[in-house]
Amino acid sequence: MYLLIDIGNSRDKAALADKGKIIPFPQLSAEAAHALPIQAVYYCSVAGPERAIQLRQKLALEHIPWRQVHSEHQAFGVTSSYQ
C-alpha cells in the first residue's frame, strides 16, 4: 500500500494506492497513517521543500521512503502553467 500526497499551497490532498485501486484518504493524520501498512509515500508539491519536511514529521513517517514525483511541463496535449 502506498500513500499518495498532493502538497498544495493552501491544503494537502491524499489517497492510497493498493492492489491497483486508488482510495481517497481524507483523514491525513499520523494516527490514521500508522493504522495502515504503508510501504512508501509518493508526493508532488507546488509548495517549497520545507512543506514536505513538515508533513513528513507531522505524520511521523520518517521510517519509510518518501519519493517526490515531478510532472511533465507538457504531455498529452496539455501544458502546465506551473514553473
PDB file of N, CA and C in Angstrom:
ATOM      1  N   MET A   1       0.847  -1.173   0.000  1.00  0.00           N
ATOM      2  CA  MET A   1       0.000   0.000   0.000  1.00  0.00           C
ATOM      3  C   MET A   1       0.895   1.240   0.000  1.00  0.00           C
ATOM      4  N   TYR A   2       0.501   2.220  -0.829  1.00  0.00           N
ATOM      5  CA  TYR A   2       1.275   3.448  -0.938  1.00  0.00           C
ATOM      6  C   TYR A   2       0.394   4.641  -0.597  1.00  0.00           C
ATOM      7  N   LEU A   3       0.981   5.617   0.069  1.00  0.00           N
ATOM      8  CA  LEU A   3       0.299   6.859   0.370  1.00  0.00           C
ATOM      9  C   LEU A   3       0.691   7.868  -0.697  1.00  0.00           C
ATOM     10  N   LEU A   4      -0.300   8.474  -1.351  1.00  0.00           N
ATOM     11  CA  LEU A   4      -0.090   9.466  -2.395  1.00  0.00           C
ATOM     12  C   LEU A   4      -0.533  10.813  -1.857  1.00  0.00           C
ATOM     13  N   ILE A   5       0.343  11.812  -1.930  1.00  0.00           N
ATOM     14  CA  ILE A   5       0.016  13.116  -1.356  1.00  0.00           C
ATOM     15  C   ILE A   5       0.285  14.219  -2.373  1.00  0.00           C
ATOM     16  N   ASP A   6      -0.679  15.120  -2.504  1.00  0.00           N
ATOM     17  CA  ASP A   6      -0.531  16.337  -3.300  1.00  0.00           C
ATOM     18  C   ASP A   6      -0.396  17.476  -2.296  1.00  0.00           C
ATOM     19  N   ILE A   7       0.819  18.001  -2.157  1.00  0.00           N
ATOM     20  CA  ILE A   7       1.074  19.078  -1.195  1.00  0.00           C
ATOM     21  C   ILE A   7       0.837  20.400  -1.900  1.00  0.00           C
ATOM     22  N   GLY A   8      -0.219  21.089  -1.493  1.00  0.00           N
ATOM     23  CA  GLY A   8      -0.576  22.359  -2.116  1.00  0.00           C
ATOM     24  C   GLY A   8      -0.192  23.540  -1.239  1.00  0.00           C
ATOM     25  N   ASN A   9      -0.387  24.727  -1.781  1.00  0.00           N
ATOM     26  CA  ASN A   9      -0.087  25.939  -1.010  1.00  0.00           C
ATOM     27  C   ASN A   9      -1.089  26.155   0.110  1.00  0.00           C
ATOM     28  N   SER A  10      -2.357  25.794  -0.114  1.00  0.00           N
ATOM     29  CA  SER A  10      -3.375  26.047   0.901  1.00  0.00           C
ATOM     30  C   SER A  10      -3.844  24.786   1.621  1.00  0.00           C
ATOM     31  N   ARG A  11      -3.741  23.619   0.969  1.00  0.00           N
ATOM     32  CA  ARG A  11      -4.141  22.385   1.642  1.00  0.00           C
ATOM     33  C   ARG A  11      -3.470  21.190   0.974  1.00  0.00           C
ATOM     34  N   ASP A  12      -3.474  20.083   1.690  1.00  0.00           N
ATOM     35  CA  ASP A  12      -2.896  18.840   1.192  1.00  0.00           C
ATOM     36  C   ASP A  12      -4.023  17.854   0.897  1.00  0.00           C
ATOM     37  N   LYS A  13      -3.843  17.080  -0.149  1.00  0.00           N
ATOM     38  CA  LYS A  13      -4.833  16.064  -0.520  1.00  0.00           C
ATOM     39  C   LYS A  13      -4.122  14.724  -0.558  1.00  0.00           C
ATOM     40  N   ALA A  14      -4.824  13.659  -0.177  1.00  0.00           N
ATOM     41  CA  ALA A  14      -4.170  12.351  -0.113  1.00  0.00           C
ATOM     42  C   ALA A  14      -5.088  11.237  -0.594  1.00  0.00           C
ATOM     43  N   ALA A  15      -4.444  10.162  -1.021  1.00  0.00           N
ATOM     44  CA  ALA A  15      -5.142   8.946  -1.427  1.00  0.00           C
ATOM     45  C   ALA A  15      -4.215   7.771  -1.148  1.00  0.00           C
ATOM     46  N   LEU A  16      -4.775   6.589  -1.187  1.00  0.00           N
ATOM     47  CA  LEU A  16      -3.996   5.361  -1.027  1.00  0.00           C
ATOM     48  C   LEU A  16      -4.029   4.594  -2.338  1.00  0.00           C
ATOM     49  N   ALA A  17      -2.917   3.994  -2.697  1.00  0.00           N
ATOM     50  CA  ALA A  17      -2.859   3.098  -3.855  1.00  0.00           C
ATOM     51  C   ALA A  17      -2.637   1.700  -3.297  1.00  0.00           C
ATOM     52  N   ASP A  18      -3.592   0.816  -3.580  1.00  0.00           N
ATOM     53  CA  ASP A  18      -3.500  -0.541  -3.056  1.00  0.00           C
ATOM     54  C   ASP A  18      -4.083  -1.535  -4.056  1.00  0.00           C
ATOM     55  N   LYS A  19      -3.255  -2.461  -4.478  1.00  0.00           N
ATOM     56  CA  LYS A  19      -3.680  -3.534  -5.393  1.00  0.00           C
ATOM     57  C   LYS A  19      -4.370  -2.984  -6.641  1.00  0.00           C
ATOM     58  N   GLY A  20      -3.786  -1.931  -7.212  1.00  0.00           N
ATOM     59  CA  GLY A  20      -4.303  -1.360  -8.445  1.00  0.00           C
ATOM     60  C   GLY A  20      -5.482  -0.425  -8.285  1.00  0.00           C
ATOM     61  N   LYS A  21      -5.889  -0.149  -7.061  1.00  0.00           N
ATOM     62  CA  LYS A  21      -7.016   0.750  -6.818  1.00  0.00           C
ATOM     63  C   LYS A  21      -6.542   2.014  -6.108  1.00  0.00           C
ATOM     64  N   ILE A  22      -7.195   3.127  -6.405  1.00  0.00           N
ATOM     65  CA  ILE A  22      -6.935   4.400  -5.736  1.00  0.00           C
ATOM     66  C   ILE A  22      -8.101   4.658  -4.795  1.00  0.00           C
ATOM     67  N   ILE A  23      -7.785   4.857  -3.527  1.00  0.00           N
ATOM     68  CA  ILE A  23      -8.795   5.036  -2.484  1.00  0.00           C
ATOM     69  C   ILE A  23      -8.585   6.404  -1.836  1.00  0.00           C
ATOM     70  N   PRO A  24      -9.604   7.271  -1.824  1.00  0.00           N
ATOM     71  CA  PRO A  24      -9.447   8.566  -1.157  1.00  0.00           C
ATOM     72  C   PRO A  24      -9.040   8.381   0.309  1.00  0.00           C
ATOM     73  N   PHE A  25      -8.197   9.276   0.779  1.00  0.00           N
ATOM     74  CA  PHE A  25      -7.709   9.228   2.164  1.00  0.00           C
ATOM     75  C   PHE A  25      -7.845  10.632   2.761  1.00  0.00           C
ATOM     76  N   PRO A  26      -9.080  11.026   3.103  1.00  0.00           N
ATOM     77  CA  PRO A  26      -9.306  12.400   3.559  1.00  0.00           C
ATOM     78  C   PRO A  26      -8.734  12.712   4.938  1.00  0.00           C
ATOM     79  N   GLN A  27      -8.540  11.717   5.782  1.00  0.00           N
ATOM     80  CA  GLN A  27      -8.052  11.928   7.143  1.00  0.00           C
ATOM     81  C   GLN A  27      -6.534  11.782   7.175  1.00  0.00           C
ATOM     82  N   LEU A  28      -5.828  12.816   6.748  1.00  0.00           N
ATOM     83  CA  LEU A  28      -4.372  12.775   6.696  1.00  0.00           C
ATOM     84  C   LEU A  28      -3.796  13.150   8.064  1.00  0.00           C
ATOM     85  N   SER A  29      -3.586  12.125   8.893  1.00  0.00           N
ATOM     86  CA  SER A  29      -3.049  12.332  10.236  1.00  0.00           C
ATOM     87  C   SER A  29      -2.080  11.200  10.559  1.00  0.00           C
ATOM     88  N   ALA A  30      -1.237  11.411  11.557  1.00  0.00           N
ATOM     89  CA  ALA A  30      -0.287  10.375  11.964  1.00  0.00           C
ATOM     90  C   ALA A  30      -1.024   9.132  12.444  1.00  0.00           C
ATOM     91  N   GLU A  31      -2.085   9.322  13.213  1.00  0.00           N
ATOM     92  CA  GLU A  31      -2.850   8.184  13.740  1.00  0.00           C
ATOM     93  C   GLU A  31      -3.446   7.347  12.607  1.00  0.00           C
ATOM     94  N   ALA A  32      -4.053   8.006  11.632  1.00  0.00           N
ATOM     95  CA  ALA A  32      -4.653   7.289  10.508  1.00  0.00           C
ATOM     96  C   ALA A  32      -3.586   6.605   9.655  1.00  0.00           C
ATOM     97  N   ALA A  33      -2.470   7.276   9.422  1.00  0.00           N
ATOM     98  CA  ALA A  33      -1.397   6.706   8.599  1.00  0.00           C
ATOM     99  C   ALA A  33      -0.752   5.492   9.266  1.00  0.00           C
ATOM    100  N   HIS A  34      -0.583   5.537  10.566  1.00  0.00           N
ATOM    101  CA  HIS A  34       0.061   4.430  11.280  1.00  0.00           C
ATOM    102  C   HIS A  34      -0.845   3.206  11.432  1.00  0.00           C
ATOM    103  N   ALA A  35      -2.122   3.380  11.175  1.00  0.00           N
ATOM    104  CA  ALA A  35      -3.054   2.252  11.262  1.00  0.00           C
ATOM    105  C   ALA A  35      -3.044   1.415   9.985  1.00  0.00           C
ATOM    106  N   LEU A  36      -2.275   1.861   8.979  1.00  0.00           N
ATOM    107  CA  LEU A  36      -2.250   1.180   7.680  1.00  0.00           C
ATOM    108  C   LEU A  36      -0.847   0.664   7.355  1.00  0.00           C
ATOM    109  N   PRO A  37      -0.759  -0.390   6.528  1.00  0.00           N
ATOM    110  CA  PRO A  37       0.557  -0.930   6.151  1.00  0.00           C
ATOM    111  C   PRO A  37       1.189  -0.163   4.979  1.00  0.00           C
ATOM    112  N   ILE A  38       1.506   1.101   5.192  1.00  0.00           N
ATOM    113  CA  ILE A  38       2.062   1.949   4.137  1.00  0.00           C
ATOM    114  C   ILE A  38       3.526   1.587   3.911  1.00  0.00           C
ATOM    115  N   GLN A  39       3.862   1.304   2.646  1.00  0.00           N
ATOM    116  CA  GLN A  39       5.227   0.903   2.285  1.00  0.00           C
ATOM    117  C   GLN A  39       6.087   2.079   1.867  1.00  0.00           C
ATOM    118  N   ALA A  40       5.466   3.097   1.258  1.00  0.00           N
ATOM    119  CA  ALA A  40       6.197   4.270   0.783  1.00  0.00           C
ATOM    120  C   ALA A  40       5.207   5.402   0.551  1.00  0.00           C
ATOM    121  N   VAL A  41       5.740   6.606   0.487  1.00  0.00           N
ATOM    122  CA  VAL A  41       4.936   7.790   0.211  1.00  0.00           C
ATOM    123  C   VAL A  41       5.428   8.385  -1.106  1.00  0.00           C
ATOM    124  N   TYR A  42       4.508   8.650  -2.007  1.00  0.00           N
ATOM    125  CA  TYR A  42       4.813   9.349  -3.255  1.00  0.00           C
ATOM    126  C   TYR A  42       4.088  10.681  -3.184  1.00  0.00           C
ATOM    127  N   TYR A  43       4.806  11.768  -3.432  1.00  0.00           N
ATOM    128  CA  TYR A  43       4.175  13.078  -3.305  1.00  0.00           C
ATOM    129  C   TYR A  43       4.598  14.019  -4.420  1.00  0.00           C
ATOM    130  N   CYS A  44       3.725  14.966  -4.688  1.00  0.00           N
ATOM    131  CA  CYS A  44       4.050  16.078  -5.569  1.00  0.00           C
ATOM    132  C   CYS A  44       3.783  17.343  -4.755  1.00  0.00           C
ATOM    133  N   SER A  45       4.442  18.424  -5.139  1.00  0.00           N
ATOM    134  CA  SER A  45       4.306  19.629  -4.337  1.00  0.00           C
ATOM    135  C   SER A  45       4.512  20.880  -5.174  1.00  0.00           C
ATOM    136  N   VAL A  46       3.580  21.825  -5.024  1.00  0.00           N
ATOM    137  CA  VAL A  46       3.781  23.147  -5.605  1.00  0.00           C
ATOM    138  C   VAL A  46       4.318  24.095  -4.533  1.00  0.00           C
ATOM    139  N   ALA A  47       4.306  23.638  -3.291  1.00  0.00           N
ATOM    140  CA  ALA A  47       4.866  24.411  -2.180  1.00  0.00           C
ATOM    141  C   ALA A  47       6.373  24.134  -2.121  1.00  0.00           C
ATOM    142  N   GLY A  48       7.066  24.836  -1.291  1.00  0.00           N
ATOM    143  CA  GLY A  48       8.507  24.638  -1.164  1.00  0.00           C
ATOM    144  C   GLY A  48       8.850  23.321  -0.485  1.00  0.00           C
ATOM    145  N   PRO A  49      10.126  22.921  -0.554  1.00  0.00           N
ATOM    146  CA  PRO A  49      10.550  21.648   0.028  1.00  0.00           C
ATOM    147  C   PRO A  49      10.344  21.560   1.540  1.00  0.00           C
ATOM    148  N   GLU A  50      10.305  22.687   2.211  1.00  0.00           N
ATOM    149  CA  GLU A  50      10.093  22.667   3.657  1.00  0.00           C
ATOM    150  C   GLU A  50       8.718  22.127   4.032  1.00  0.00           C
ATOM    151  N   ARG A  51       7.723  22.314   3.155  1.00  0.00           N
ATOM    152  CA  ARG A  51       6.380  21.768   3.434  1.00  0.00           C
ATOM    153  C   ARG A  51       6.392  20.249   3.459  1.00  0.00           C
ATOM    154  N   ALA A  52       7.163  19.618   2.581  1.00  0.00           N
ATOM    155  CA  ALA A  52       7.264  18.151   2.580  1.00  0.00           C
ATOM    156  C   ALA A  52       7.944  17.671   3.857  1.00  0.00           C
ATOM    157  N   ILE A  53       8.952  18.385   4.296  1.00  0.00           N
ATOM    158  CA  ILE A  53       9.651  18.023   5.537  1.00  0.00           C
ATOM    159  C   ILE A  53       8.703  18.146   6.726  1.00  0.00           C
ATOM    160  N   GLN A  54       7.941  19.231   6.775  1.00  0.00           N
ATOM    161  CA  GLN A  54       6.985  19.434   7.864  1.00  0.00           C
ATOM    162  C   GLN A  54       5.932  18.332   7.891  1.00  0.00           C
ATOM    163  N   LEU A  55       5.417  17.977   6.715  1.00  0.00           N
ATOM    164  CA  LEU A  55       4.388  16.945   6.642  1.00  0.00           C
ATOM    165  C   LEU A  55       4.943  15.588   7.039  1.00  0.00           C
ATOM    166  N   ARG A  56       6.152  15.297   6.610  1.00  0.00           N
ATOM    167  CA  ARG A  56       6.806  14.026   6.973  1.00  0.00           C
ATOM    168  C   ARG A  56       6.939  13.905   8.490  1.00  0.00           C
ATOM    169  N   GLN A  57       7.313  14.990   9.134  1.00  0.00           N
ATOM    170  CA  GLN A  57       7.444  14.994  10.596  1.00  0.00           C
ATOM    171  C   GLN A  57       6.071  14.924  11.271  1.00  0.00           C
ATOM    172  N   LYS A  58       5.103  15.666  10.743  1.00  0.00           N
ATOM    173  CA  LYS A  58       3.749  15.671  11.318  1.00  0.00           C
ATOM    174  C   LYS A  58       3.134  14.271  11.273  1.00  0.00           C
ATOM    175  N   LEU A  59       3.338  13.569  10.162  1.00  0.00           N
ATOM    176  CA  LEU A  59       2.771  12.222  10.012  1.00  0.00           C
ATOM    177  C   LEU A  59       3.615  11.156  10.689  1.00  0.00           C
ATOM    178  N   ALA A  60       4.817  11.524  11.143  1.00  0.00           N
ATOM    179  CA  ALA A  60       5.733  10.588  11.806  1.00  0.00           C
ATOM    180  C   ALA A  60       5.991   9.357  10.930  1.00  0.00           C
ATOM    181  N   LEU A  61       6.259   9.617   9.654  1.00  0.00           N
ATOM    182  CA  LEU A  61       6.535   8.528   8.716  1.00  0.00           C
ATOM    183  C   LEU A  61       7.970   8.616   8.186  1.00  0.00           C
ATOM    184  N   GLU A  62       8.896   8.975   9.043  1.00  0.00           N
ATOM    185  CA  GLU A  62      10.295   9.095   8.630  1.00  0.00           C
ATOM    186  C   GLU A  62      10.928   7.737   8.340  1.00  0.00           C
ATOM    187  N   HIS A  63      10.318   6.657   8.834  1.00  0.00           N
ATOM    188  CA  HIS A  63      10.895   5.322   8.715  1.00  0.00           C
ATOM    189  C   HIS A  63      10.611   4.650   7.363  1.00  0.00           C
ATOM    190  N   ILE A  64       9.795   5.272   6.519  1.00  0.00           N
ATOM    191  CA  ILE A  64       9.526   4.697   5.199  1.00  0.00           C
ATOM    192  C   ILE A  64       9.987   5.675   4.115  1.00  0.00           C
ATOM    193  N   PRO A  65      10.256   5.178   2.906  1.00  0.00           N
ATOM    194  CA  PRO A  65      10.745   6.061   1.837  1.00  0.00           C
ATOM    195  C   PRO A  65       9.707   7.084   1.380  1.00  0.00           C
ATOM    196  N   TRP A  66      10.175   8.286   1.116  1.00  0.00           N
ATOM    197  CA  TRP A  66       9.376   9.338   0.517  1.00  0.00           C
ATOM    198  C   TRP A  66       9.993   9.651  -0.836  1.00  0.00           C
ATOM    199  N   ARG A  67       9.185   9.653  -1.873  1.00  0.00           N
ATOM    200  CA  ARG A  67       9.687   9.912  -3.224  1.00  0.00           C
ATOM    201  C   ARG A  67       8.866  11.028  -3.857  1.00  0.00           C
ATOM    202  N   GLN A  68       9.560  12.069  -4.298  1.00  0.00           N
ATOM    203  CA  GLN A  68       8.861  13.172  -4.948  1.00  0.00           C
ATOM    204  C   GLN A  68       8.647  12.844  -6.420  1.00  0.00           C
ATOM    205  N   VAL A  69       7.440  13.131  -6.895  1.00  0.00           N
ATOM    206  CA  VAL A  69       7.066  12.907  -8.286  1.00  0.00           C
ATOM    207  C   VAL A  69       6.969  14.268  -8.961  1.00  0.00           C
ATOM    208  N   HIS A  70       7.580  14.387 -10.115  1.00  0.00           N
ATOM    209  CA  HIS A  70       7.547  15.650 -10.866  1.00  0.00           C
ATOM    210  C   HIS A  70       6.699  15.470 -12.117  1.00  0.00           C
ATOM    211  N   SER A  71       5.915  16.471 -12.421  1.00  0.00           N
ATOM    212  CA  SER A  71       5.078  16.404 -13.621  1.00  0.00           C
ATOM    213  C   SER A  71       5.850  16.899 -14.835  1.00  0.00           C
ATOM    214  N   GLU A  72       5.369  16.493 -15.970  1.00  0.00           N
ATOM    215  CA  GLU A  72       5.918  16.971 -17.234  1.00  0.00           C
ATOM    216  C   GLU A  72       5.349  18.363 -17.499  1.00  0.00           C
ATOM    217  N   HIS A  73       6.138  19.214 -18.144  1.00  0.00           N
ATOM    218  CA  HIS A  73       5.638  20.548 -18.494  1.00  0.00           C
ATOM    219  C   HIS A  73       4.514  20.428 -19.522  1.00  0.00           C
ATOM    220  N   GLN A  74       4.676  19.470 -20.441  1.00  0.00           N
ATOM    221  CA  GLN A  74       3.650  19.260 -21.454  1.00  0.00           C
ATOM    222  C   GLN A  74       3.525  17.759 -21.722  1.00  0.00           C
ATOM    223  N   ALA A  75       2.294  17.268 -21.720  1.00  0.00           N
ATOM    224  CA  ALA A  75       2.037  15.867 -22.019  1.00  0.00           C
ATOM    225  C   ALA A  75       0.603  15.703 -22.498  1.00  0.00           C
ATOM    226  N   PHE A  76       0.390  14.849 -23.477  1.00  0.00           N
ATOM    227  CA  PHE A  76      -0.943  14.518 -23.989  1.00  0.00           C
ATOM    228  C   PHE A  76      -1.725  15.765 -24.426  1.00  0.00           C
ATOM    229  N   GLY A  77      -1.009  16.747 -24.964  1.00  0.00           N
ATOM    230  CA  GLY A  77      -1.656  17.954 -25.468  1.00  0.00           C
ATOM    231  C   GLY A  77      -2.019  18.958 -24.394  1.00  0.00           C
ATOM    232  N   VAL A  78      -1.607  18.725 -23.148  1.00  0.00           N
ATOM    233  CA  VAL A  78      -1.907  19.642 -22.040  1.00  0.00           C
ATOM    234  C   VAL A  78      -0.597  20.279 -21.583  1.00  0.00           C
ATOM    235  N   THR A  79      -0.618  21.598 -21.381  1.00  0.00           N
ATOM    236  CA  THR A  79       0.558  22.322 -20.909  1.00  0.00           C
ATOM    237  C   THR A  79       0.308  22.828 -19.508  1.00  0.00           C
ATOM    238  N   SER A  80       1.238  22.558 -18.606  1.00  0.00           N
ATOM    239  CA  SER A  80       1.122  23.008 -17.211  1.00  0.00           C
ATOM    240  C   SER A  80       1.542  24.468 -17.099  1.00  0.00           C
ATOM    241  N   SER A  81       0.850  25.206 -16.250  1.00  0.00           N
ATOM    242  CA  SER A  81       1.197  26.608 -16.009  1.00  0.00           C
ATOM    243  C   SER A  81       2.194  26.764 -14.873  1.00  0.00           C
ATOM    244  N   TYR A  82       2.398  25.678 -14.100  1.00  0.00           N
ATOM    245  CA  TYR A  82       3.362  25.741 -13.006  1.00  0.00           C
ATOM    246  C   TYR A  82       4.767  25.758 -13.575  1.00  0.00           C
ATOM    247  N   GLN A  83       5.637  26.490 -12.934  1.00  0.00           N
ATOM    248  CA  GLN A  83       7.022  26.603 -13.393  1.00  0.00           C
ATOM    249  C   GLN A  83       7.919  25.729 -12.559  1.00  0.00           C
TER     250      GLN A  83
END
